[in-house]
């Protein structure tokens, strides 16, 4: 089954997500306090599809919410690292 989350299509992996059936507000807190973020991340910590969720968030450049156990800031850092490695590889530079 495919679902739409945040306007983007997600694959059947979402059926096995630990957050399935949990109020989405937990992952999109109005006040992104340290406690609110930690609560959402605890759900992701042992999720069987955490890698797929994070991959989705990076692929679709999710700008909000906790995805794959990461905040938007953490995903932005990962994306910058991926771009650096991609550029270096294209230039034949070993990292």
Protein backbone atom coordinates (compact mmCIF):
# COMPACT_ATOMS: atom_id res chain seq x y z
CA UNK A 1 0.00 0.00 0.00
CA UNK A 2 1.27 3.46 -0.81
CA UNK A 3 0.43 6.44 1.34
CA UNK A 4 0.97 10.15 1.06
CA UNK A 5 2.83 11.85 3.88
CA UNK A 6 3.63 15.53 3.72
CA UNK A 7 2.24 15.59 0.19
CA UNK A 8 4.76 13.00 -1.00
CA UNK A 9 4.12 9.39 -1.86
CA UNK A 10 5.75 6.89 0.48
CA UNK A 11 6.17 3.23 -0.27
CA UNK A 12 4.83 0.13 1.40
CA UNK A 13 7.60 0.38 4.00
CA UNK A 14 5.39 2.90 5.84
CA UNK A 15 3.00 0.08 6.75
CA UNK A 16 5.68 -1.29 9.10
CA UNK A 17 6.68 2.04 10.64
CA UNK A 18 6.62 2.31 14.43
CA UNK A 19 4.81 5.65 14.07
CA UNK A 20 1.94 4.09 12.13
CA UNK A 21 -1.25 4.98 13.98
CA UNK A 22 0.44 7.53 16.27
CA UNK A 23 -0.82 11.12 16.13
CA UNK A 24 1.32 12.90 13.54
CA UNK A 25 1.51 15.98 15.75
CA UNK A 26 4.18 14.14 17.73
CA UNK A 27 6.48 14.30 14.70
CA UNK A 28 5.55 17.88 13.78
CA UNK A 29 5.56 19.60 17.18
CA UNK A 30 4.40 23.22 17.22
CA UNK A 31 7.12 24.00 19.72
CA UNK A 32 10.21 22.04 18.76
CA UNK A 33 11.47 21.74 22.31
CA UNK A 34 14.27 19.36 23.16
CA UNK A 35 11.74 17.20 25.00
CA UNK A 36 9.28 17.09 22.07
CA UNK A 37 12.04 16.16 19.63
CA UNK A 38 13.40 13.48 21.97
CA UNK A 39 9.92 11.96 22.37
CA UNK A 40 9.49 11.63 18.60
CA UNK A 41 13.02 10.30 18.13
CA UNK A 42 12.39 7.58 20.74
CA UNK A 43 9.65 6.17 18.50
CA UNK A 44 12.10 6.13 15.57
CA UNK A 45 14.95 4.63 17.57
CA UNK A 46 13.86 1.00 17.18
CA UNK A 47 11.70 1.38 14.08
CA UNK A 48 12.26 -1.42 11.56
CA UNK A 49 11.95 1.00 8.62
CA UNK A 50 13.99 3.91 9.99
CA UNK A 51 16.51 3.75 7.10
CA UNK A 52 13.75 3.86 4.47
CA UNK A 53 12.05 6.75 6.27
CA UNK A 54 15.29 8.74 6.40
CA UNK A 55 15.98 7.97 2.74
CA UNK A 56 12.50 9.24 1.86
CA UNK A 57 13.04 12.45 3.83
CA UNK A 58 16.33 13.14 2.07
CA UNK A 59 15.04 12.20 -1.38
CA UNK A 60 12.00 14.48 -1.06
CA UNK A 61 13.84 17.17 0.89
CA UNK A 62 11.38 17.09 3.78
CA UNK A 63 11.76 20.49 5.46
CA UNK A 64 9.64 19.84 8.52
CA UNK A 65 9.14 17.19 11.15
CA UNK A 66 11.04 14.24 12.49
CA UNK A 67 11.78 11.69 9.77
CA UNK A 68 13.92 8.61 10.22
CA UNK A 69 14.91 9.84 13.65
CA UNK A 70 16.31 13.14 12.36
CA UNK A 71 15.35 16.78 12.58
CA UNK A 72 15.32 19.08 9.54
CA UNK A 73 18.68 20.53 10.66
CA UNK A 74 20.23 17.07 10.96
CA UNK A 75 18.93 16.09 7.52
CA UNK A 76 20.33 19.30 6.00
CA UNK A 77 23.77 18.38 7.40
CA UNK A 78 23.47 14.88 5.95
CA UNK A 79 22.45 16.30 2.56
CA UNK A 80 25.45 18.65 2.53
CA UNK A 81 27.71 15.70 3.30
CA UNK A 82 26.14 13.62 0.53
CA UNK A 83 26.62 16.48 -1.95
CA UNK A 84 30.27 16.89 -0.91
CA UNK A 85 30.98 13.20 -1.40
CA UNK A 86 29.13 13.18 -4.75
CA UNK A 87 31.15 16.16 -6.01
CA UNK A 88 34.43 14.69 -4.79
CA UNK A 89 33.64 11.35 -6.44
CA UNK A 90 32.78 13.11 -9.71
CA UNK A 91 36.16 14.86 -9.55
CA UNK A 92 37.96 11.61 -8.75
CA UNK A 93 38.90 12.76 -5.25
CA UNK A 94 39.01 10.09 -2.56
CA UNK A 95 37.52 11.06 0.76
